[in-house]
Amino acid sequence: QVSHYFKRRKMFPTQEIKEERPDGSLVVSYRVGHYEAIRNILKSWIPNIVILEPEDFRKDFLKDVKGWVKRQENAA
């Protein structure tokens, strides 16, 4: 649904489109010195992204998002 944004403009200077899939989705890669450099950019694209790798970043990102959801539930 949002792949055209990534094709039209780089979201981060090292963005590289690795694959365009038949369903219109893209596999995009980023080279970063620290995960923090890309974390907030990726958060802005939830729920339209899936982090494929690296696995440790995917797990840490998911933990961060789950923590945010839990804080939202407890605030109600």
Protein backbone atom coordinates (compact mmCIF):
# COMPACT_ATOMS: atom_id res chain seq x y z
CA GLN A 1 0.00 0.00 0.00
CA VAL A 2 2.90 2.39 0.61
CA SER A 3 5.61 1.01 -1.66
CA HIS A 4 5.27 3.96 -4.03
CA TYR A 5 6.64 6.27 -1.31
CA PHE A 6 9.82 4.20 -1.07
CA LYS A 7 10.18 4.12 -4.85
CA ARG A 8 9.69 7.85 -5.19
CA ARG A 9 12.00 9.02 -2.40
CA LYS A 10 14.70 7.57 -0.17
CA MET A 11 13.60 7.43 3.46
CA PHE A 12 17.26 7.18 4.52
CA PRO A 13 20.38 7.96 2.47
CA THR A 14 21.50 4.32 2.19
CA GLN A 15 18.10 2.97 1.15
CA GLU A 16 18.32 0.34 -1.56
CA ILE A 17 15.36 -1.46 -3.12
CA LYS A 18 16.47 -5.09 -3.33
CA GLU A 19 13.31 -6.65 -4.71
CA GLU A 20 9.89 -5.70 -6.02
CA ARG A 21 7.46 -8.53 -5.39
CA PRO A 22 4.43 -9.51 -7.55
CA ASP A 23 2.02 -8.23 -4.86
CA GLY A 24 3.58 -4.76 -5.13
CA SER A 25 5.54 -4.98 -1.89
CA LEU A 26 9.23 -4.17 -1.76
CA VAL A 27 12.25 -5.58 -0.01
CA VAL A 28 14.26 -2.55 1.06
CA SER A 29 17.62 -2.52 2.80
CA TYR A 30 19.42 0.14 4.81
CA ARG A 31 23.03 0.28 5.94
CA VAL A 32 23.35 2.04 9.29
CA GLY A 33 26.09 2.46 11.87
CA HIS A 34 23.60 2.14 14.73
CA TYR A 35 20.06 0.80 14.74
CA GLU A 36 18.87 4.01 16.38
CA ALA A 37 19.59 5.81 13.11
CA ILE A 38 16.67 4.04 11.44
CA ARG A 39 14.38 3.04 14.33
CA ASN A 40 12.11 6.11 14.34
CA ILE A 41 11.82 6.15 10.56
CA LEU A 42 10.61 2.56 10.63
CA LYS A 43 8.16 3.28 13.47
CA SER A 44 6.48 5.89 11.30
CA TRP A 45 5.62 3.17 8.75
CA ILE A 46 3.89 0.78 11.18
CA PRO A 47 1.73 -1.22 10.30
CA ASN A 48 2.98 -1.24 6.70
CA ILE A 49 6.41 -2.76 7.31
CA VAL A 50 7.90 -6.11 8.25
CA ILE A 51 11.48 -6.22 9.49
CA LEU A 52 13.13 -9.25 7.93
CA GLU A 53 16.62 -8.90 9.37
CA PRO A 54 18.82 -8.53 11.30
CA GLU A 55 17.00 -10.77 13.75
CA ASP A 56 18.32 -9.02 16.87
CA PHE A 57 17.06 -5.66 15.61
CA ARG A 58 13.69 -7.17 14.66
CA LYS A 59 13.27 -8.63 18.14
CA ASP A 60 14.36 -5.41 19.85
CA PHE A 61 12.04 -3.33 17.67
CA LEU A 62 9.12 -5.65 18.42
CA LYS A 63 9.88 -5.50 22.16
CA ASP A 64 9.87 -1.69 21.98
CA VAL A 65 6.51 -1.60 20.16
CA LYS A 66 4.96 -4.14 22.54
CA GLY A 67 6.13 -2.00 25.48
CA TRP A 68 4.46 1.03 23.92
CA VAL A 69 1.20 -0.90 23.43
CA LYS A 70 1.28 -2.06 27.06
CA ARG A 71 1.81 1.52 28.30
CA GLN A 72 -1.17 2.63 26.19
CA GLU A 73 -3.36 -0.13 27.62
CA ASN A 74 -2.37 0.74 31.18
CA ALA A 75 -3.05 4.43 30.64
CA ALA A 76 -6.73 3.83 29.90
